[in-house]
Amino acid sequence: MTPLFLLQLVHTLVFAVCIATLGPLGWYALSGQGQTLALWALLPPIGIFVGLQLNGGRCILQTLARRWSGIAEDDPRWVRDILFLPESWAVRVVKIMVPVFVVTVSGAAIRFGAQNLVQV
């Protein structure tokens, strides 16, 4: 098992976990049920957001995959760093998913604020 394959496996798991967090966050935003699970579900997207910010808006795992493959940072080629997404989708994940997460997390935050204001 090569280091690049392990990175691909980890990135695939990270991607799946982050997509799965949309369920509890969206459910809480829409119904107000599952507040504790929704709060825990915030952790993976927050971790990804921090990683993107620290790496100039680029995926840390793509940066590692490029480095391990010997491809320069300014080279436009993409390195497969996730197992099942075709390149045409994978290169758009950050551009598409950040707004989806912003809307979903904002909805959950609005619900959280509304529920806590009612209790006060």
N, C-alpha and C. Protein backbone atom coordinates (compact mmCIF):
# COMPACT_ATOMS: atom_id res chain seq x y z
N MET A 1 0.85 -1.18 0.00
CA MET A 1 0.00 0.00 0.00
C MET A 1 0.90 1.24 0.00
N THR A 2 0.72 2.08 -1.00
CA THR A 2 1.55 3.27 -1.11
C THR A 2 1.00 4.41 -0.26
N PRO A 3 1.85 5.38 0.09
CA PRO A 3 1.36 6.54 0.84
C PRO A 3 0.25 7.30 0.09
N LEU A 4 0.36 7.37 -1.24
CA LEU A 4 -0.67 8.07 -2.01
C LEU A 4 -2.01 7.34 -1.92
N PHE A 5 -2.00 6.01 -1.95
CA PHE A 5 -3.25 5.27 -1.81
C PHE A 5 -3.85 5.50 -0.43
N LEU A 6 -3.04 5.50 0.61
CA LEU A 6 -3.54 5.78 1.96
C LEU A 6 -4.15 7.18 2.04
N LEU A 7 -3.48 8.13 1.39
CA LEU A 7 -4.03 9.50 1.36
C LEU A 7 -5.38 9.50 0.64
N GLN A 8 -5.48 8.78 -0.47
CA GLN A 8 -6.75 8.69 -1.20
C GLN A 8 -7.84 8.08 -0.34
N LEU A 9 -7.49 7.04 0.40
CA LEU A 9 -8.45 6.38 1.28
C LEU A 9 -8.92 7.33 2.39
N VAL A 10 -7.97 8.02 3.01
CA VAL A 10 -8.32 8.98 4.07
C VAL A 10 -9.19 10.10 3.50
N HIS A 11 -8.82 10.61 2.33
CA HIS A 11 -9.58 11.71 1.74
C HIS A 11 -10.99 11.27 1.36
N THR A 12 -11.12 10.05 0.88
CA THR A 12 -12.44 9.51 0.56
C THR A 12 -13.30 9.43 1.82
N LEU A 13 -12.71 8.97 2.92
CA LEU A 13 -13.44 8.90 4.19
C LEU A 13 -13.81 10.29 4.71
N VAL A 14 -12.89 11.23 4.61
CA VAL A 14 -13.17 12.61 5.04
C VAL A 14 -14.32 13.18 4.21
N PHE A 15 -14.27 12.96 2.91
CA PHE A 15 -15.33 13.45 2.02
C PHE A 15 -16.68 12.85 2.41
N ALA A 16 -16.71 11.54 2.63
CA ALA A 16 -17.96 10.86 2.99
C ALA A 16 -18.50 11.37 4.32
N VAL A 17 -17.63 11.55 5.30
CA VAL A 17 -18.07 12.05 6.61
C VAL A 17 -18.63 13.47 6.47
N CYS A 18 -17.95 14.31 5.72
CA CYS A 18 -18.43 15.69 5.56
C CYS A 18 -19.78 15.74 4.84
N ILE A 19 -19.94 14.94 3.81
CA ILE A 19 -21.23 14.89 3.12
C ILE A 19 -22.31 14.40 4.08
N ALA A 20 -21.97 13.40 4.91
CA ALA A 20 -22.93 12.85 5.87
C ALA A 20 -23.35 13.88 6.92
N THR A 21 -22.51 14.86 7.21
CA THR A 21 -22.88 15.87 8.21
C THR A 21 -24.00 16.78 7.71
N LEU A 22 -24.20 16.83 6.41
CA LEU A 22 -25.28 17.67 5.89
C LEU A 22 -26.64 17.19 6.36
N GLY A 23 -26.78 15.88 6.57
CA GLY A 23 -28.06 15.32 7.03
C GLY A 23 -28.49 15.87 8.38
N PRO A 24 -27.69 15.66 9.44
CA PRO A 24 -28.09 16.18 10.75
C PRO A 24 -28.20 17.70 10.80
N LEU A 25 -27.30 18.38 10.10
CA LEU A 25 -27.36 19.85 10.11
C LEU A 25 -28.62 20.34 9.40
N GLY A 26 -28.92 19.76 8.25
CA GLY A 26 -30.12 20.15 7.52
C GLY A 26 -31.39 19.79 8.27
N TRP A 27 -31.42 18.60 8.89
CA TRP A 27 -32.59 18.18 9.65
C TRP A 27 -32.83 19.13 10.82
N TYR A 28 -31.78 19.49 11.51
CA TYR A 28 -31.92 20.42 12.63
C TYR A 28 -32.39 21.79 12.14
N ALA A 29 -31.81 22.26 11.04
CA ALA A 29 -32.21 23.57 10.50
C ALA A 29 -33.69 23.58 10.12
N LEU A 30 -34.18 22.50 9.55
CA LEU A 30 -35.57 22.44 9.10
C LEU A 30 -36.57 22.12 10.20
N SER A 31 -36.18 21.23 11.13
CA SER A 31 -37.15 20.74 12.11
C SER A 31 -36.91 21.19 13.54
N GLY A 32 -35.70 21.59 13.85
CA GLY A 32 -35.37 21.93 15.23
C GLY A 32 -35.08 20.71 16.08
N GLN A 33 -35.08 19.53 15.50
CA GLN A 33 -34.80 18.30 16.24
C GLN A 33 -33.34 17.88 16.01
N GLY A 34 -32.74 17.31 17.04
CA GLY A 34 -31.38 16.78 16.90
C GLY A 34 -30.30 17.82 17.11
N GLN A 35 -30.52 18.73 18.04
CA GLN A 35 -29.56 19.81 18.26
C GLN A 35 -28.17 19.28 18.64
N THR A 36 -28.10 18.32 19.55
CA THR A 36 -26.80 17.79 19.98
C THR A 36 -26.05 17.15 18.83
N LEU A 37 -26.74 16.33 18.05
CA LEU A 37 -26.10 15.70 16.89
C LEU A 37 -25.65 16.75 15.88
N ALA A 38 -26.47 17.77 15.68
CA ALA A 38 -26.10 18.83 14.74
C ALA A 38 -24.85 19.57 15.21
N LEU A 39 -24.75 19.81 16.51
CA LEU A 39 -23.55 20.48 17.03
C LEU A 39 -22.31 19.63 16.82
N TRP A 40 -22.41 18.33 17.05
CA TRP A 40 -21.29 17.43 16.78
C TRP A 40 -20.98 17.37 15.29
N ALA A 41 -22.02 17.43 14.47
CA ALA A 41 -21.83 17.36 13.02
C ALA A 41 -21.11 18.58 12.47
N LEU A 42 -21.03 19.63 13.24
CA LEU A 42 -20.30 20.82 12.81
C LEU A 42 -18.78 20.61 12.79
N LEU A 43 -18.29 19.69 13.59
CA LEU A 43 -16.84 19.53 13.73
C LEU A 43 -16.11 19.23 12.42
N PRO A 44 -16.52 18.23 11.62
CA PRO A 44 -15.78 17.99 10.37
C PRO A 44 -15.78 19.18 9.40
N PRO A 45 -16.92 19.83 9.13
CA PRO A 45 -16.86 20.98 8.22
C PRO A 45 -16.01 22.13 8.77
N ILE A 46 -16.04 22.33 10.08
CA ILE A 46 -15.20 23.38 10.66
C ILE A 46 -13.73 23.03 10.46
N GLY A 47 -13.38 21.76 10.66
CA GLY A 47 -12.00 21.32 10.43
C GLY A 47 -11.57 21.54 8.98
N ILE A 48 -12.44 21.21 8.04
CA ILE A 48 -12.14 21.42 6.62
C ILE A 48 -11.98 22.91 6.33
N PHE A 49 -12.88 23.72 6.87
CA PHE A 49 -12.81 25.17 6.65
C PHE A 49 -11.49 25.73 7.17
N VAL A 50 -11.10 25.33 8.36
CA VAL A 50 -9.83 25.80 8.93
C VAL A 50 -8.67 25.36 8.04
N GLY A 51 -8.69 24.09 7.60
CA GLY A 51 -7.64 23.60 6.72
C GLY A 51 -7.56 24.38 5.41
N LEU A 52 -8.70 24.68 4.82
CA LEU A 52 -8.72 25.47 3.58
C LEU A 52 -8.15 26.87 3.82
N GLN A 53 -8.51 27.48 4.94
CA GLN A 53 -8.01 28.81 5.24
C GLN A 53 -6.49 28.80 5.46
N LEU A 54 -6.01 27.79 6.15
CA LEU A 54 -4.57 27.70 6.42
C LEU A 54 -3.77 27.39 5.16
N ASN A 55 -4.41 26.80 4.16
CA ASN A 55 -3.71 26.40 2.93
C ASN A 55 -4.10 27.27 1.74
N GLY A 56 -4.50 28.48 1.99
CA GLY A 56 -4.79 29.42 0.90
C GLY A 56 -5.97 29.04 0.03
N GLY A 57 -6.97 28.37 0.60
CA GLY A 57 -8.16 28.00 -0.15
C GLY A 57 -8.03 26.70 -0.93
N ARG A 58 -6.90 26.04 -0.78
CA ARG A 58 -6.67 24.77 -1.48
C ARG A 58 -6.77 23.62 -0.48
N CYS A 59 -7.21 22.49 -0.96
CA CYS A 59 -7.32 21.30 -0.12
C CYS A 59 -5.93 20.84 0.32
N ILE A 60 -5.78 20.63 1.62
CA ILE A 60 -4.50 20.18 2.15
C ILE A 60 -4.12 18.81 1.57
N LEU A 61 -5.09 17.93 1.43
CA LEU A 61 -4.77 16.59 0.93
C LEU A 61 -4.41 16.60 -0.56
N GLN A 62 -4.99 17.51 -1.34
CA GLN A 62 -4.58 17.65 -2.74
C GLN A 62 -3.15 18.19 -2.79
N THR A 63 -2.83 19.11 -1.90
CA THR A 63 -1.47 19.65 -1.84
C THR A 63 -0.47 18.53 -1.54
N LEU A 64 -0.80 17.67 -0.58
CA LEU A 64 0.07 16.53 -0.27
C LEU A 64 0.18 15.57 -1.45
N ALA A 65 -0.94 15.27 -2.09
CA ALA A 65 -0.93 14.36 -3.24
C ALA A 65 -0.05 14.92 -4.36
N ARG A 66 -0.13 16.21 -4.59
CA ARG A 66 0.70 16.84 -5.62
C ARG A 66 2.18 16.72 -5.24
N ARG A 67 2.48 17.01 -3.98
CA ARG A 67 3.86 16.95 -3.51
C ARG A 67 4.41 15.53 -3.65
N TRP A 68 3.62 14.53 -3.23
CA TRP A 68 4.08 13.14 -3.27
C TRP A 68 4.17 12.62 -4.70
N SER A 69 3.46 13.25 -5.63
CA SER A 69 3.51 12.84 -7.04
C SER A 69 4.55 13.62 -7.83
N GLY A 70 5.20 14.58 -7.19
CA GLY A 70 6.22 15.37 -7.85
C GLY A 70 5.68 16.43 -8.78
N ILE A 71 4.45 16.87 -8.56
CA ILE A 71 3.84 17.90 -9.41
C ILE A 71 3.91 19.24 -8.68
N ALA A 72 4.41 20.25 -9.36
CA ALA A 72 4.59 21.57 -8.75
C ALA A 72 3.25 22.22 -8.42
N GLU A 73 3.27 23.12 -7.45
CA GLU A 73 2.05 23.82 -7.03
C GLU A 73 1.42 24.64 -8.15
N ASP A 74 2.24 25.21 -9.03
CA ASP A 74 1.70 26.06 -10.10
C ASP A 74 1.31 25.25 -11.34
N ASP A 75 1.54 23.95 -11.34
CA ASP A 75 1.14 23.07 -12.44
C ASP A 75 -0.37 22.88 -12.39
N PRO A 76 -1.09 23.10 -13.51
CA PRO A 76 -2.56 23.02 -13.49
C PRO A 76 -3.11 21.59 -13.40
N ARG A 77 -2.25 20.58 -13.56
CA ARG A 77 -2.75 19.20 -13.51
C ARG A 77 -3.28 18.86 -12.13
N TRP A 78 -4.26 17.96 -12.12
CA TRP A 78 -4.86 17.48 -10.88
C TRP A 78 -4.30 16.10 -10.58
N VAL A 79 -4.10 15.80 -9.30
CA VAL A 79 -3.64 14.48 -8.89
C VAL A 79 -4.80 13.78 -8.19
N ARG A 80 -5.07 12.54 -8.56
CA ARG A 80 -6.17 11.80 -7.93
C ARG A 80 -5.87 11.65 -6.45
N ASP A 81 -6.70 12.31 -5.63
CA ASP A 81 -6.52 12.23 -4.18
C ASP A 81 -7.78 11.74 -3.49
N ILE A 82 -8.75 11.28 -4.28
CA ILE A 82 -9.98 10.72 -3.73
C ILE A 82 -10.38 9.56 -4.65
N LEU A 83 -10.86 8.49 -4.09
CA LEU A 83 -10.97 7.25 -4.85
C LEU A 83 -12.08 7.20 -5.89
N PHE A 84 -13.23 7.78 -5.64
CA PHE A 84 -14.36 7.50 -6.53
C PHE A 84 -14.84 8.68 -7.36
N LEU A 85 -14.38 9.88 -7.11
CA LEU A 85 -14.85 11.02 -7.88
C LEU A 85 -14.03 11.20 -9.15
N PRO A 86 -14.68 11.37 -10.29
CA PRO A 86 -13.93 11.70 -11.50
C PRO A 86 -13.34 13.11 -11.37
N GLU A 87 -12.28 13.35 -12.09
CA GLU A 87 -11.58 14.64 -12.00
C GLU A 87 -12.52 15.81 -12.25
N SER A 88 -13.42 15.68 -13.23
CA SER A 88 -14.32 16.78 -13.57
C SER A 88 -15.19 17.19 -12.39
N TRP A 89 -15.49 16.27 -11.49
CA TRP A 89 -16.26 16.60 -10.28
C TRP A 89 -15.34 17.03 -9.15
N ALA A 90 -14.25 16.30 -8.98
CA ALA A 90 -13.37 16.53 -7.83
C ALA A 90 -12.79 17.94 -7.82
N VAL A 91 -12.48 18.48 -8.99
CA VAL A 91 -11.89 19.83 -9.03
C VAL A 91 -12.92 20.91 -8.68
N ARG A 92 -14.20 20.55 -8.66
CA ARG A 92 -15.25 21.52 -8.33
C ARG A 92 -15.82 21.35 -6.92
N VAL A 93 -15.35 20.37 -6.18
CA VAL A 93 -15.93 20.07 -4.87
C VAL A 93 -15.90 21.29 -3.95
N VAL A 94 -14.76 21.94 -3.81
CA VAL A 94 -14.66 23.07 -2.90
C VAL A 94 -15.57 24.20 -3.35
N LYS A 95 -15.58 24.51 -4.64
CA LYS A 95 -16.41 25.62 -5.15
C LYS A 95 -17.90 25.37 -4.96
N ILE A 96 -18.32 24.12 -5.01
CA ILE A 96 -19.74 23.79 -4.88
C ILE A 96 -20.12 23.55 -3.43
N MET A 97 -19.30 22.80 -2.71
CA MET A 97 -19.69 22.38 -1.36
C MET A 97 -19.56 23.48 -0.32
N VAL A 98 -18.65 24.43 -0.49
CA VAL A 98 -18.55 25.51 0.50
C VAL A 98 -19.86 26.29 0.58
N PRO A 99 -20.45 26.73 -0.55
CA PRO A 99 -21.75 27.41 -0.43
C PRO A 99 -22.85 26.52 0.15
N VAL A 100 -22.87 25.23 -0.20
CA VAL A 100 -23.87 24.31 0.35
C VAL A 100 -23.73 24.25 1.87
N PHE A 101 -22.51 24.11 2.35
CA PHE A 101 -22.29 24.07 3.80
C PHE A 101 -22.61 25.40 4.45
N VAL A 102 -22.27 26.51 3.81
CA VAL A 102 -22.57 27.83 4.38
C VAL A 102 -24.08 27.98 4.56
N VAL A 103 -24.86 27.61 3.56
CA VAL A 103 -26.32 27.72 3.65
C VAL A 103 -26.86 26.79 4.74
N THR A 104 -26.38 25.55 4.76
CA THR A 104 -26.88 24.58 5.74
C THR A 104 -26.50 24.97 7.16
N VAL A 105 -25.25 25.35 7.37
CA VAL A 105 -24.80 25.75 8.71
C VAL A 105 -25.49 27.04 9.12
N SER A 106 -25.70 27.96 8.19
CA SER A 106 -26.42 29.20 8.52
C SER A 106 -27.84 28.89 8.96
N GLY A 107 -28.50 27.98 8.26
CA GLY A 107 -29.85 27.58 8.66
C GLY A 107 -29.87 26.98 10.05
N ALA A 108 -28.88 26.13 10.35
CA ALA A 108 -28.79 25.53 11.69
C ALA A 108 -28.51 26.61 12.74
N ALA A 109 -27.66 27.58 12.41
CA ALA A 109 -27.35 28.66 13.35
C ALA A 109 -28.57 29.53 13.61
N ILE A 110 -29.34 29.80 12.57
CA ILE A 110 -30.58 30.58 12.75
C ILE A 110 -31.55 29.82 13.63
N ARG A 111 -31.69 28.52 13.38
CA ARG A 111 -32.58 27.70 14.21
C ARG A 111 -32.09 27.69 15.66
N PHE A 112 -30.79 27.54 15.87
CA PHE A 112 -30.22 27.51 17.21
C PHE A 112 -30.49 28.84 17.93
N GLY A 113 -30.27 29.95 17.22
CA GLY A 113 -30.55 31.26 17.81
C GLY A 113 -32.01 31.44 18.14
N ALA A 114 -32.88 31.02 17.23
CA ALA A 114 -34.32 31.17 17.46
C ALA A 114 -34.77 30.33 18.64
N GLN A 115 -34.27 29.12 18.76
CA GLN A 115 -34.67 28.26 19.88
C GLN A 115 -34.16 28.81 21.21
N ASN A 116 -32.98 29.37 21.22
CA ASN A 116 -32.42 29.88 22.46
C ASN A 116 -33.03 31.22 22.85
N LEU A 117 -33.45 32.02 21.89
CA LEU A 117 -34.13 33.28 22.21
C LEU A 117 -35.50 33.01 22.80
N VAL A 118 -36.16 31.97 22.32
CA VAL A 118 -37.48 31.61 22.84
C VAL A 118 -37.36 31.14 24.29
N GLN A 119 -36.28 30.44 24.62
CA GLN A 119 -36.10 29.90 25.96
C GLN A 119 -35.74 30.98 26.97
N VAL A 120 -35.19 32.10 26.53
CA VAL A 120 -34.74 33.15 27.46
C VAL A 120 -35.88 33.95 27.99
